[in-house]
N, C-alpha and C. Protein backbone atom coordinates (compact mmCIF):
# COMPACT_ATOMS: atom_id res chain seq x y z
N MET A 1 -20.43 -1.21 -24.49
CA MET A 1 -19.39 -0.20 -24.23
C MET A 1 -18.77 -0.41 -22.85
N SER A 2 -19.61 -0.69 -21.87
CA SER A 2 -19.08 -0.83 -20.51
C SER A 2 -18.17 -2.06 -20.41
N GLY A 3 -18.48 -3.13 -21.15
CA GLY A 3 -17.63 -4.32 -21.14
C GLY A 3 -16.26 -4.03 -21.72
N ASP A 4 -16.24 -3.29 -22.85
CA ASP A 4 -14.95 -2.92 -23.47
C ASP A 4 -14.13 -2.05 -22.52
N LEU A 5 -14.81 -1.11 -21.89
CA LEU A 5 -14.13 -0.21 -20.97
C LEU A 5 -13.55 -0.98 -19.78
N ALA A 6 -14.33 -1.93 -19.27
CA ALA A 6 -13.87 -2.72 -18.13
C ALA A 6 -12.64 -3.55 -18.50
N SER A 7 -12.67 -4.17 -19.69
CA SER A 7 -11.52 -4.98 -20.10
C SER A 7 -10.30 -4.09 -20.36
N LEU A 8 -10.56 -2.89 -20.87
CA LEU A 8 -9.47 -1.94 -21.12
C LEU A 8 -8.84 -1.52 -19.79
N VAL A 9 -9.67 -1.22 -18.82
CA VAL A 9 -9.18 -0.83 -17.49
C VAL A 9 -8.42 -1.99 -16.85
N ASP A 10 -8.94 -3.22 -17.06
CA ASP A 10 -8.29 -4.40 -16.51
C ASP A 10 -6.89 -4.58 -17.10
N VAL A 11 -6.79 -4.44 -18.42
CA VAL A 11 -5.49 -4.57 -19.10
C VAL A 11 -4.54 -3.48 -18.63
N PHE A 12 -5.04 -2.23 -18.59
CA PHE A 12 -4.18 -1.13 -18.15
C PHE A 12 -3.78 -1.29 -16.68
N GLY A 13 -4.70 -1.84 -15.89
CA GLY A 13 -4.40 -2.08 -14.48
C GLY A 13 -3.28 -3.09 -14.31
N ARG A 14 -3.35 -4.18 -15.10
CA ARG A 14 -2.30 -5.20 -15.01
C ARG A 14 -0.97 -4.66 -15.51
N VAL A 15 -0.99 -3.96 -16.63
CA VAL A 15 0.24 -3.39 -17.18
C VAL A 15 0.82 -2.37 -16.20
N GLY A 16 -0.08 -1.56 -15.61
CA GLY A 16 0.36 -0.56 -14.64
C GLY A 16 0.98 -1.20 -13.40
N LEU A 17 0.38 -2.29 -12.96
CA LEU A 17 0.89 -2.99 -11.79
C LEU A 17 2.27 -3.57 -12.07
N ILE A 18 2.39 -4.24 -13.23
CA ILE A 18 3.69 -4.81 -13.62
C ILE A 18 4.72 -3.69 -13.78
N GLY A 19 4.30 -2.59 -14.41
CA GLY A 19 5.20 -1.45 -14.60
C GLY A 19 5.63 -0.85 -13.27
N ALA A 20 4.69 -0.79 -12.34
CA ALA A 20 5.00 -0.24 -11.02
C ALA A 20 6.00 -1.13 -10.29
N VAL A 21 5.83 -2.45 -10.43
CA VAL A 21 6.76 -3.38 -9.79
C VAL A 21 8.15 -3.24 -10.40
N PHE A 22 8.19 -3.23 -11.74
CA PHE A 22 9.49 -3.13 -12.42
C PHE A 22 10.16 -1.78 -12.15
N ALA A 23 9.38 -0.72 -12.02
CA ALA A 23 9.95 0.60 -11.73
C ALA A 23 10.27 0.73 -10.24
N GLY A 24 9.49 0.05 -9.40
CA GLY A 24 9.65 0.19 -7.95
C GLY A 24 10.83 -0.58 -7.40
N VAL A 25 11.12 -1.74 -7.99
CA VAL A 25 12.22 -2.56 -7.46
C VAL A 25 13.57 -1.85 -7.57
N PRO A 26 13.95 -1.32 -8.77
CA PRO A 26 15.23 -0.60 -8.83
C PRO A 26 15.24 0.63 -7.93
N PHE A 27 14.08 1.29 -7.80
CA PHE A 27 13.99 2.47 -6.95
C PHE A 27 14.25 2.09 -5.49
N CYS A 28 13.64 0.98 -5.05
CA CYS A 28 13.85 0.52 -3.67
C CYS A 28 15.30 0.13 -3.45
N VAL A 29 15.88 -0.55 -4.44
CA VAL A 29 17.29 -0.96 -4.34
C VAL A 29 18.18 0.28 -4.26
N TYR A 30 17.88 1.28 -5.08
CA TYR A 30 18.66 2.52 -5.08
C TYR A 30 18.55 3.24 -3.74
N MET A 31 17.31 3.31 -3.21
CA MET A 31 17.11 3.99 -1.93
C MET A 31 17.85 3.25 -0.81
N PHE A 32 17.76 1.91 -0.83
CA PHE A 32 18.45 1.10 0.19
C PHE A 32 19.96 1.28 0.08
N ALA A 33 20.46 1.29 -1.16
CA ALA A 33 21.90 1.44 -1.37
C ALA A 33 22.39 2.81 -0.91
N SER A 34 21.63 3.85 -1.23
CA SER A 34 22.04 5.20 -0.84
C SER A 34 21.99 5.35 0.68
N GLU A 35 20.99 4.74 1.30
CA GLU A 35 20.88 4.78 2.76
C GLU A 35 22.05 4.04 3.40
N THR A 36 22.39 2.90 2.84
CA THR A 36 23.53 2.12 3.34
C THR A 36 24.83 2.89 3.17
N MET A 37 24.99 3.54 2.02
CA MET A 37 26.19 4.33 1.77
C MET A 37 26.29 5.48 2.77
N ALA A 38 25.16 6.12 3.05
CA ALA A 38 25.15 7.22 4.01
C ALA A 38 25.55 6.72 5.40
N LYS A 39 25.06 5.54 5.78
CA LYS A 39 25.39 4.97 7.08
C LYS A 39 26.88 4.62 7.17
N THR A 40 27.41 3.99 6.12
CA THR A 40 28.82 3.62 6.16
C THR A 40 29.69 4.86 6.14
N ARG A 41 29.25 5.90 5.43
CA ARG A 41 30.02 7.14 5.39
C ARG A 41 30.04 7.77 6.78
N ARG A 42 28.93 7.66 7.51
CA ARG A 42 28.85 8.23 8.84
C ARG A 42 29.69 7.45 9.85
N THR A 43 29.68 6.12 9.74
CA THR A 43 30.36 5.31 10.76
C THR A 43 31.83 5.09 10.46
N ARG A 44 32.24 5.26 9.22
CA ARG A 44 33.62 4.94 8.84
C ARG A 44 34.66 5.79 9.59
N PRO A 45 34.48 7.12 9.74
CA PRO A 45 35.49 7.89 10.48
C PRO A 45 35.61 7.43 11.94
N ALA A 46 34.48 7.07 12.55
CA ALA A 46 34.51 6.59 13.94
C ALA A 46 35.25 5.26 14.01
N ALA A 47 35.00 4.39 13.03
CA ALA A 47 35.68 3.09 13.01
C ALA A 47 37.18 3.29 12.79
N ARG A 48 37.53 4.24 11.96
CA ARG A 48 38.94 4.52 11.70
C ARG A 48 39.60 5.08 12.96
N ALA A 49 38.87 5.91 13.71
CA ALA A 49 39.41 6.49 14.94
C ALA A 49 39.67 5.40 15.99
N ARG A 50 38.81 4.35 15.99
CA ARG A 50 39.00 3.24 16.91
C ARG A 50 40.02 2.24 16.38
N GLY A 51 40.49 2.46 15.15
CA GLY A 51 41.42 1.51 14.54
C GLY A 51 40.69 0.31 13.98
N GLY A 52 39.44 0.51 13.55
CA GLY A 52 38.63 -0.60 13.03
C GLY A 52 38.96 -0.97 11.60
N GLY A 53 39.64 -0.12 10.88
CA GLY A 53 39.99 -0.42 9.49
C GLY A 53 38.77 -0.51 8.59
N ARG A 54 38.47 -1.72 8.11
CA ARG A 54 37.36 -1.90 7.17
C ARG A 54 36.05 -2.24 7.87
N LYS A 55 36.02 -2.31 9.16
CA LYS A 55 34.82 -2.71 9.89
C LYS A 55 33.72 -1.66 9.71
N LEU A 56 32.54 -2.11 9.26
CA LEU A 56 31.45 -1.18 8.99
C LEU A 56 30.38 -1.20 10.08
N THR A 57 30.34 -2.27 10.88
CA THR A 57 29.32 -2.36 11.93
C THR A 57 29.91 -1.89 13.25
N ASP A 58 29.03 -1.40 14.10
CA ASP A 58 29.49 -0.92 15.41
C ASP A 58 29.67 -2.07 16.38
């Protein structure tokens, strides 16, 4: 019984790890994108006031 349980936990652990990676990557990308959007939204009026046009970096 303990051997079956161990192999079951091993399989679920691998599937869970793969699932976490596949679920985590889009989440990280989304968080990074939203953070970047928030930064550009914050800096864009200042850049426009300086006449920077499309410049996003300070």
